[in-house]
Amino acid sequence: MEQDMTKRDLGLVVILAVLLAAGSLAHNFWFDRSTARDHADALRFQRDIGAIEVALSDLRAAETAYLAAGQNPEFWMRRVSEIAETMQTSLGAVQNAAVSVDARAHLVSAANALTSLMAVDKRARDQVQGDQRLLASDIILNDGLEDTQRMATELAGARNSESLASTAAVVNAGRIRLGLNALLALLFVGIVVSAARRRPAPQQAAASSAAQTAQMLRDLPPPVKSGAANTAVARPVITAPVAAPPAVSLPDAAELCVDLARVMDTRDVPTLLERAAGVLGAKGLILWMADPGGFLLRPSLTHGYSDRVITRLDTLEIAAENVTSLSFRSMRPQVMNGQVAGAAGAVAVPLITADGCTGVLAAEIRDSKPAAETVALARILAAQFATLIAPGHAASADGRESAQA
């Protein structure tokens, strides 16, 4: 019955793990799309403001053409009217697209400045048509200058306000994303801890086994006598099973997941990598990151290896036949047992994000045969590191960071 219950609990944990992983991938994908869309909107806003500034410069240049000898004033007046109409339309469009309230206020002021500038332009046109070019030049170059400068200032203010608002939105979205990842990680660890507590304690299991052994010995038949010689039937020796110590420390793993979710500076990652080695019982850890071309794996962070070993680390071809490359290609954990008894084993777990596999967490485990619990915990930690370490953070072959204790 206990075995059936254990299988049922394990199946429930696996189902919940799949659901949590799917939820994590979904919300990370949504955040990535939302961030990309906001970034594109911010760039479009900046381009539209730049186009209005260029149009303002063209408008002023066309106004000065009223005063040039040999020019047709009617042509340049029509040109100024066309530019002004286009600017009015563009100001209305960027005002509707603006996210910041301050940016909208600046754009309203810019539209008012454009209206005032066109009123000054009308006065200058009247003087030009009356063949009073000297008065027209005074109006354009003096009276129109104040409105032009005010409009340019308001456009710059709108650009700065919208940029600050976009940056703040990206930062807030990143904090929410980290919080959700931490919540999912804590939820999974809580489920694993709850399932582990439902199993019988090692002392209780040993006591139960010892009681069953004693009962079996009492039920054995007495020795059989044959003639004068007594030949005792040897009773079988039954050894109670010894409970194996727990392979991982779930409380330490839970604390590490919480600290990983709260990282705001990647310089804290080496210290957390050292703690991850302790949680996994690993002699050494290496974070391998894929290069932009997708053909090589480069060591990004290491722990547990000497400087001489670190300097000899080279890139791995993703198509090579080793557990690290195979884990990256298959996007599945890979295990390698020790060659002889007592030799260290190895675990390689892919770093999965919404964009796919970005690297591999490789661990040299002290046990010759890595336990399933160790592999599952390595997957949890790899999911946390995947959100912190981006491909662009991978160190070059000439300057790798080391997280040695």
Protein backbone atom coordinates (compact mmCIF):
# COMPACT_ATOMS: atom_id res chain seq x y z
CA MET A 1 0.00 0.00 0.00
CA GLU A 2 2.86 2.36 0.85
CA GLN A 3 4.45 1.66 -2.53
CA ASP A 4 1.17 2.44 -4.33
CA MET A 5 0.84 5.66 -2.36
CA THR A 6 4.40 6.65 -3.23
CA LYS A 7 3.76 6.08 -6.93
CA ARG A 8 0.57 8.08 -6.72
CA ASP A 9 2.33 10.97 -4.98
CA LEU A 10 5.14 10.88 -7.54
CA GLY A 11 2.64 10.95 -10.40
CA LEU A 12 0.86 13.92 -8.82
CA VAL A 13 4.17 15.77 -8.40
CA VAL A 14 5.07 15.12 -12.04
CA ILE A 15 1.68 16.38 -13.26
CA LEU A 16 1.92 19.53 -11.12
CA ALA A 17 5.51 20.08 -12.27
CA VAL A 18 4.40 19.94 -15.91
CA LEU A 19 1.55 22.38 -15.22
CA LEU A 20 3.85 24.79 -13.39
CA ALA A 21 6.45 24.57 -16.17
CA ALA A 22 3.78 25.28 -18.78
CA GLY A 23 2.52 28.22 -16.77
CA SER A 24 6.05 29.57 -16.38
CA LEU A 25 6.72 29.31 -20.11
CA ALA A 26 3.40 30.95 -20.93
CA HIS A 27 3.82 33.96 -18.68
CA ASN A 28 7.48 34.43 -19.70
CA PHE A 29 6.44 34.31 -23.37
CA TRP A 30 3.72 36.88 -22.70
CA PHE A 31 6.17 39.18 -20.90
CA ASP A 32 8.67 38.92 -23.75
CA ARG A 33 6.03 39.82 -26.33
CA SER A 34 4.72 42.70 -24.22
CA THR A 35 8.24 44.09 -23.71
CA ALA A 36 9.02 43.85 -27.43
CA ARG A 37 5.74 45.59 -28.31
CA ASP A 38 6.39 48.42 -25.83
CA HIS A 39 9.92 48.85 -27.17
CA ALA A 40 8.64 49.09 -30.73
CA ASP A 41 6.00 51.67 -29.71
CA ALA A 42 8.66 53.77 -27.95
CA LEU A 43 10.90 53.74 -31.03
CA ARG A 44 7.96 54.69 -33.27
CA PHE A 45 7.13 57.63 -30.97
CA GLN A 46 10.73 58.88 -31.09
CA ARG A 47 10.77 58.64 -34.90
CA ASP A 48 7.50 60.57 -35.19
CA ILE A 49 8.79 63.36 -32.94
CA GLY A 50 11.97 63.54 -35.03
CA ALA A 51 9.89 63.82 -38.21
CA ILE A 52 7.93 66.75 -36.75
CA GLU A 53 11.18 68.50 -35.81
CA VAL A 54 12.47 68.08 -39.37
CA ALA A 55 9.16 69.43 -40.74
CA LEU A 56 9.47 72.50 -38.46
CA SER A 57 12.92 73.19 -39.90
CA ASP A 58 11.55 72.84 -43.44
CA LEU A 59 8.69 75.23 -42.63
CA ARG A 60 11.07 77.92 -41.40
CA ALA A 61 13.26 77.50 -44.48
CA ALA A 62 10.23 77.87 -46.75
CA GLU A 63 9.17 81.05 -44.93
CA THR A 64 12.56 82.66 -45.52
CA ALA A 65 12.10 81.94 -49.23
CA TYR A 66 9.32 84.60 -49.19
CA LEU A 67 12.07 87.19 -48.85
CA ALA A 68 14.49 85.88 -51.50
CA ALA A 69 14.70 87.87 -54.70
CA GLY A 70 13.71 85.99 -57.82
CA GLN A 71 11.58 83.45 -55.91
CA ASN A 72 7.87 82.87 -56.46
CA PRO A 73 6.23 83.69 -53.10
CA GLU A 74 3.01 81.89 -54.05
CA PHE A 75 4.82 78.59 -54.44
CA TRP A 76 6.50 78.85 -51.04
CA MET A 77 3.29 79.93 -49.35
CA ARG A 78 1.58 76.79 -50.62
CA ARG A 79 4.58 74.78 -49.42
CA VAL A 80 4.35 76.26 -45.92
CA SER A 81 0.62 75.49 -45.77
CA GLU A 82 1.22 71.85 -46.76
CA ILE A 83 3.96 71.41 -44.16
CA ALA A 84 1.83 72.99 -41.43
CA GLU A 85 -1.11 70.71 -42.23
CA THR A 86 1.13 67.64 -42.09
CA MET A 87 2.57 68.77 -38.75
CA GLN A 88 -0.91 69.25 -37.27
CA THR A 89 -1.88 65.71 -38.29
CA SER A 90 1.35 64.24 -36.92
CA LEU A 91 0.98 66.06 -33.60
CA GLY A 92 -2.51 64.64 -33.16
CA ALA A 93 -1.29 61.11 -33.92
CA VAL A 94 1.65 61.16 -31.48
CA GLN A 95 -0.56 62.72 -28.82
CA ASN A 96 -2.94 59.75 -29.05
CA ALA A 97 -0.02 57.28 -28.98
CA ALA A 98 1.75 58.85 -25.99
CA VAL A 99 1.77 56.81 -22.75
CA SER A 100 2.98 59.57 -20.44
CA VAL A 101 0.58 62.29 -19.26
CA ASP A 102 3.46 64.79 -19.25
CA ALA A 103 4.28 63.92 -22.87
CA ARG A 104 0.67 64.65 -23.88
CA ALA A 105 0.81 68.03 -22.14
CA HIS A 106 4.00 68.94 -24.00
CA LEU A 107 2.43 67.95 -27.31
CA VAL A 108 -0.64 70.12 -26.63
CA SER A 109 1.67 73.08 -25.98
CA ALA A 110 3.56 72.30 -29.20
CA ALA A 111 0.30 72.34 -31.17
CA ASN A 112 -0.60 75.73 -29.66
CA ALA A 113 2.84 77.06 -30.60
CA LEU A 114 2.31 75.86 -34.18
CA THR A 115 -1.05 77.68 -34.33
CA SER A 116 0.61 80.88 -33.11
CA LEU A 117 3.42 80.44 -35.64
CA MET A 118 0.93 80.15 -38.50
CA ALA A 119 -0.79 83.35 -37.33
CA VAL A 120 2.56 85.13 -37.56
CA ASP A 121 3.08 83.56 -40.98
CA LYS A 122 -0.26 85.01 -42.17
CA ARG A 123 0.89 88.49 -41.20
CA ALA A 124 4.14 88.00 -43.08
CA ARG A 125 2.24 86.84 -46.18
CA ASP A 126 0.11 89.99 -46.13
CA GLN A 127 3.25 92.13 -46.12
CA VAL A 128 4.83 90.13 -48.94
CA GLN A 129 1.71 90.46 -51.08
CA GLY A 130 1.79 94.24 -50.39
CA ASP A 131 5.42 94.28 -51.60
CA GLN A 132 6.65 95.12 -48.08
CA ARG A 133 9.44 92.51 -47.90
CA LEU A 134 11.37 94.41 -45.23
CA LEU A 135 8.41 94.30 -42.82
CA ALA A 136 7.78 90.68 -43.79
CA SER A 137 11.39 89.76 -42.93
CA ASP A 138 11.06 91.43 -39.52
CA ILE A 139 7.91 89.41 -38.79
CA ILE A 140 9.36 86.07 -39.94
CA LEU A 141 12.81 86.38 -38.40
CA ASN A 142 11.83 88.06 -35.13
CA ASP A 143 8.16 87.42 -34.30
CA GLY A 144 8.17 83.83 -35.60
CA LEU A 145 11.40 82.90 -33.81
CA GLU A 146 9.81 82.80 -30.35
CA ASP A 147 7.04 80.40 -31.44
CA THR A 148 9.56 78.22 -33.27
CA GLN A 149 11.80 77.91 -30.20
CA ARG A 150 8.83 77.20 -27.92
CA MET A 151 7.61 74.45 -30.22
CA ALA A 152 11.08 72.85 -30.40
CA THR A 153 11.33 72.92 -26.58
CA GLU A 154 7.93 71.27 -26.14
CA LEU A 155 8.80 68.51 -28.64
CA ALA A 156 12.02 67.76 -26.73
CA GLY A 157 10.10 67.66 -23.45
CA ALA A 158 7.58 65.22 -24.93
CA ARG A 159 10.40 62.95 -26.10
CA ASN A 160 12.08 62.89 -22.68
CA SER A 161 8.84 62.30 -20.75
CA GLU A 162 7.81 59.40 -22.99
CA SER A 163 11.28 57.82 -22.73
CA LEU A 164 11.16 57.92 -18.91
CA ALA A 165 7.66 56.42 -18.87
CA SER A 166 8.69 53.58 -21.20
CA THR A 167 11.75 52.77 -19.07
CA ALA A 168 9.67 52.68 -15.89
CA ALA A 169 7.13 50.34 -17.52
CA VAL A 170 9.89 47.90 -18.55
CA VAL A 171 11.38 47.90 -15.01
CA ASN A 172 7.98 47.24 -13.41
CA ALA A 173 7.27 44.41 -15.84
CA GLY A 174 10.63 42.84 -15.01
CA ARG A 175 9.89 42.94 -11.27
CA ILE A 176 6.50 41.33 -11.77
CA ARG A 177 8.11 38.65 -13.93
CA LEU A 178 10.71 37.82 -11.28
CA GLY A 179 8.01 37.68 -8.62
CA LEU A 180 5.93 35.22 -10.63
CA ASN A 181 8.95 33.02 -11.30
CA ALA A 182 9.78 32.99 -7.60
CA LEU A 183 6.17 32.16 -6.72
CA LEU A 184 6.12 29.22 -9.15
CA ALA A 185 9.45 27.93 -7.85
CA LEU A 186 8.30 28.14 -4.22
CA LEU A 187 5.05 26.44 -5.11
CA PHE A 188 6.88 23.53 -6.73
CA VAL A 189 9.30 23.19 -3.80
CA GLY A 190 6.35 23.22 -1.40
CA ILE A 191 4.67 20.43 -3.34
CA VAL A 192 7.86 18.34 -3.27
CA VAL A 193 8.29 18.93 0.48
CA SER A 194 4.66 18.02 1.13
CA ALA A 195 5.01 14.79 -0.86
CA ALA A 196 8.23 13.93 0.99
CA ARG A 197 6.59 14.40 4.40
CA ARG A 198 3.86 11.92 3.54
CA ARG A 199 6.40 9.14 3.18
CA PRO A 200 7.15 7.06 6.32
CA ALA A 201 10.16 8.24 8.28
CA PRO A 202 13.34 6.12 8.01
CA GLN A 203 13.23 5.22 11.71
CA GLN A 204 9.61 4.07 11.44
CA ALA A 205 10.37 2.03 8.32
CA ALA A 206 13.35 0.38 9.99
CA ALA A 207 11.34 -0.40 13.13
CA SER A 208 8.51 -1.87 11.08
CA SER A 209 10.95 -4.01 9.11
CA ALA A 210 12.65 -5.21 12.30
CA ALA A 211 9.28 -6.18 13.79
CA GLN A 212 8.40 -8.13 10.67
CA THR A 213 11.76 -9.92 10.80
CA ALA A 214 11.29 -10.89 14.44
CA GLN A 215 7.83 -12.23 13.68
CA MET A 216 9.22 -14.34 10.79
CA LEU A 217 11.89 -15.81 13.08
CA ARG A 218 9.27 -16.74 15.68
CA ASP A 219 7.19 -18.50 13.03
CA LEU A 220 10.05 -20.77 11.86
CA PRO A 221 9.72 -24.52 12.84
CA PRO A 222 11.90 -25.94 15.64
CA PRO A 223 15.08 -27.94 14.82
CA VAL A 224 14.53 -31.54 13.54
CA LYS A 225 16.14 -34.40 15.57
CA SER A 226 17.58 -37.44 13.70
CA GLY A 227 18.69 -40.47 15.83
CA ALA A 228 21.30 -39.72 18.47
CA ALA A 229 22.65 -36.73 16.62
CA ASN A 230 20.80 -33.56 16.71
CA THR A 231 20.97 -31.75 13.41
CA ALA A 232 19.60 -28.23 13.71
CA VAL A 233 18.06 -26.65 10.74
CA ALA A 234 19.82 -23.34 10.17
CA ARG A 235 17.54 -20.42 10.27
CA PRO A 236 17.94 -17.91 7.49
CA VAL A 237 19.51 -14.62 8.40
CA ILE A 238 17.25 -11.74 7.42
CA THR A 239 18.76 -8.28 7.46
CA ALA A 240 16.53 -5.28 7.88
CA PRO A 241 16.96 -2.73 5.11
CA VAL A 242 18.90 0.38 6.00
CA ALA A 243 17.25 3.62 4.99
CA ALA A 244 19.42 5.76 2.76
CA PRO A 245 20.07 9.32 3.88
CA PRO A 246 18.28 12.06 1.96
CA ALA A 247 20.15 13.05 -1.20
CA VAL A 248 19.25 16.76 -1.19
CA SER A 249 18.30 19.42 1.36
CA LEU A 250 14.93 20.85 0.36
CA PRO A 251 15.02 23.77 2.86
CA ASP A 252 18.39 24.89 1.45
CA ALA A 253 17.02 24.51 -2.07
CA ALA A 254 13.97 26.61 -1.21
CA GLU A 255 16.13 29.40 0.26
CA LEU A 256 18.36 29.34 -2.81
CA CYS A 257 15.36 29.62 -5.17
CA VAL A 258 14.08 32.63 -3.20
CA ASP A 259 17.47 34.36 -3.40
CA LEU A 260 17.76 33.61 -7.13
CA ALA A 261 14.38 35.21 -7.73
CA ARG A 262 15.47 38.38 -5.89
CA VAL A 263 18.72 38.95 -7.82
CA MET A 264 18.92 42.46 -9.25
CA ASP A 265 22.66 42.45 -10.13
CA THR A 266 24.35 39.65 -12.11
CA ARG A 267 27.47 40.11 -9.98
CA ASP A 268 25.63 38.20 -7.24
CA VAL A 269 25.25 35.13 -9.48
CA PRO A 270 28.71 33.57 -8.72
CA THR A 271 27.90 33.43 -4.99
CA LEU A 272 24.57 31.78 -5.74
CA LEU A 273 26.34 29.31 -8.03
CA GLU A 274 28.52 28.29 -5.08
CA ARG A 275 25.41 27.71 -2.97
CA ALA A 276 23.87 25.70 -5.79
CA ALA A 277 26.91 23.40 -5.74
CA GLY A 278 26.37 22.82 -2.03
CA VAL A 279 22.67 22.04 -2.50
CA LEU A 280 23.39 19.56 -5.31
CA GLY A 281 26.38 18.01 -3.54
CA ALA A 282 28.50 18.85 -6.57
CA LYS A 283 32.29 19.00 -6.69
CA GLY A 284 32.12 21.52 -9.52
CA LEU A 285 29.60 23.49 -11.57
CA ILE A 286 29.87 25.13 -14.99
CA LEU A 287 27.31 27.35 -16.73
CA TRP A 288 27.72 26.89 -20.49
CA MET A 289 26.11 29.52 -22.74
CA ALA A 290 25.42 29.21 -26.46
CA ASP A 291 27.11 31.66 -28.82
CA PRO A 292 24.92 33.87 -31.05
CA GLY A 293 25.56 31.60 -34.03
CA GLY A 294 24.19 28.55 -32.21
CA PHE A 295 27.19 26.32 -32.97
CA LEU A 296 29.33 26.50 -29.81
CA LEU A 297 28.92 26.38 -26.04
CA ARG A 298 31.18 28.66 -24.04
CA PRO A 299 31.84 28.47 -20.25
CA SER A 300 30.25 31.50 -18.61
CA LEU A 301 30.54 30.85 -14.85
CA THR A 302 32.40 28.13 -12.95
CA HIS A 303 32.72 26.89 -9.38
CA GLY A 304 34.93 24.28 -7.77
CA TYR A 305 37.80 24.28 -10.28
CA SER A 306 41.33 25.64 -9.98
CA ASP A 307 42.58 28.56 -12.06
CA ARG A 308 44.70 26.18 -14.14
CA VAL A 309 41.66 24.07 -15.02
CA ILE A 310 39.57 27.15 -15.79
CA THR A 311 42.16 28.55 -18.21
CA ARG A 312 42.18 25.22 -20.07
CA LEU A 313 38.39 25.19 -20.52
CA ASP A 314 37.58 25.43 -24.20
CA THR A 315 34.39 25.76 -26.20
CA LEU A 316 32.19 22.73 -26.93
CA GLU A 317 30.62 22.09 -30.28
CA ILE A 318 26.86 21.72 -29.95
CA ALA A 319 26.99 18.83 -32.43
CA ALA A 320 29.65 16.99 -30.35
CA GLU A 321 28.99 13.68 -28.60
CA ASN A 322 29.06 14.57 -24.90
CA VAL A 323 26.43 14.95 -22.20
CA THR A 324 26.60 18.76 -22.21
CA SER A 325 26.10 19.14 -25.97
CA LEU A 326 23.50 16.37 -26.01
CA SER A 327 21.55 18.10 -23.24
CA PHE A 328 21.53 21.35 -25.27
CA ARG A 329 20.39 19.62 -28.47
CA SER A 330 17.71 17.48 -26.87
CA MET A 331 16.62 20.15 -24.33
CA ARG A 332 16.46 17.31 -21.79
CA PRO A 333 18.60 16.46 -18.73
CA GLN A 334 21.46 14.03 -19.36
CA VAL A 335 23.28 11.86 -16.78
CA MET A 336 26.68 10.17 -16.95
CA ASN A 337 27.63 7.59 -14.30
CA GLY A 338 31.15 7.25 -12.94
CA GLN A 339 33.43 4.90 -14.87
CA VAL A 340 34.44 2.97 -11.72
CA ALA A 341 33.05 2.62 -8.21
CA GLY A 342 33.61 5.80 -6.23
CA ALA A 343 34.23 7.94 -9.32
CA ALA A 344 32.23 11.14 -9.73
CA GLY A 345 29.16 11.22 -11.95
CA ALA A 346 27.87 14.10 -14.04
CA VAL A 347 24.54 15.82 -14.67
CA ALA A 348 23.82 18.25 -17.54
CA VAL A 349 20.55 20.23 -17.50
CA PRO A 350 19.46 22.67 -20.27
CA LEU A 351 18.67 26.34 -19.53
CA ILE A 352 15.21 26.78 -21.04
CA THR A 353 13.61 30.19 -21.71
CA ALA A 354 10.76 31.43 -23.85
CA ASP A 355 13.26 31.82 -26.73
CA GLY A 356 14.40 28.19 -26.47
CA CYS A 357 17.54 26.63 -25.01
CA THR A 358 20.22 29.23 -24.17
CA GLY A 359 22.78 27.09 -22.37
CA VAL A 360 23.50 24.15 -20.06
CA LEU A 361 24.11 23.79 -16.31
CA ALA A 362 26.74 21.00 -15.92
CA ALA A 363 27.49 19.54 -12.47
CA GLU A 364 30.13 17.05 -11.35
CA ILE A 365 28.32 15.00 -8.69
CA ARG A 366 30.19 13.19 -5.92
CA ASP A 367 27.98 10.09 -6.30
CA SER A 368 28.87 7.65 -9.06
CA LYS A 369 25.19 7.37 -10.02
CA PRO A 370 23.32 10.69 -9.68
CA ALA A 371 19.98 10.19 -7.97
CA ALA A 372 16.68 11.18 -9.58
CA GLU A 373 16.11 13.74 -6.81
CA THR A 374 19.44 15.38 -7.66
CA VAL A 375 18.50 15.62 -11.35
CA ALA A 376 15.06 17.09 -10.50
CA LEU A 377 16.63 19.69 -8.21
CA ALA A 378 19.20 20.55 -10.87
CA ARG A 379 16.32 21.22 -13.30
CA ILE A 380 14.69 23.58 -10.78
CA LEU A 381 17.93 25.52 -10.27
CA ALA A 382 18.61 25.59 -14.03
CA ALA A 383 15.18 27.16 -14.60
CA GLN A 384 16.09 29.91 -12.11
CA PHE A 385 19.53 30.55 -13.64
CA ALA A 386 18.00 30.67 -17.13
CA THR A 387 16.03 33.80 -16.18
CA LEU A 388 19.17 35.51 -14.86
CA ILE A 389 21.88 34.57 -17.35
CA ALA A 390 21.22 35.74 -20.93
CA PRO A 391 23.36 34.64 -23.93
CA GLY A 392 24.90 38.12 -24.04
CA HIS A 393 26.39 37.60 -20.57
CA ALA A 394 28.55 34.68 -21.68
CA ALA A 395 32.19 35.45 -21.01
CA SER A 396 34.76 35.27 -23.78
CA ALA A 397 37.59 32.76 -23.81
CA ASP A 398 40.01 35.50 -22.65
CA GLY A 399 37.94 36.75 -19.73
CA ARG A 400 35.80 34.16 -17.96
CA GLU A 401 34.35 34.87 -14.56
CA SER A 402 35.02 32.36 -11.79
CA ALA A 403 32.83 31.66 -8.80
CA GLN A 404 35.37 29.60 -6.88
CA ALA A 405 34.83 29.28 -3.14
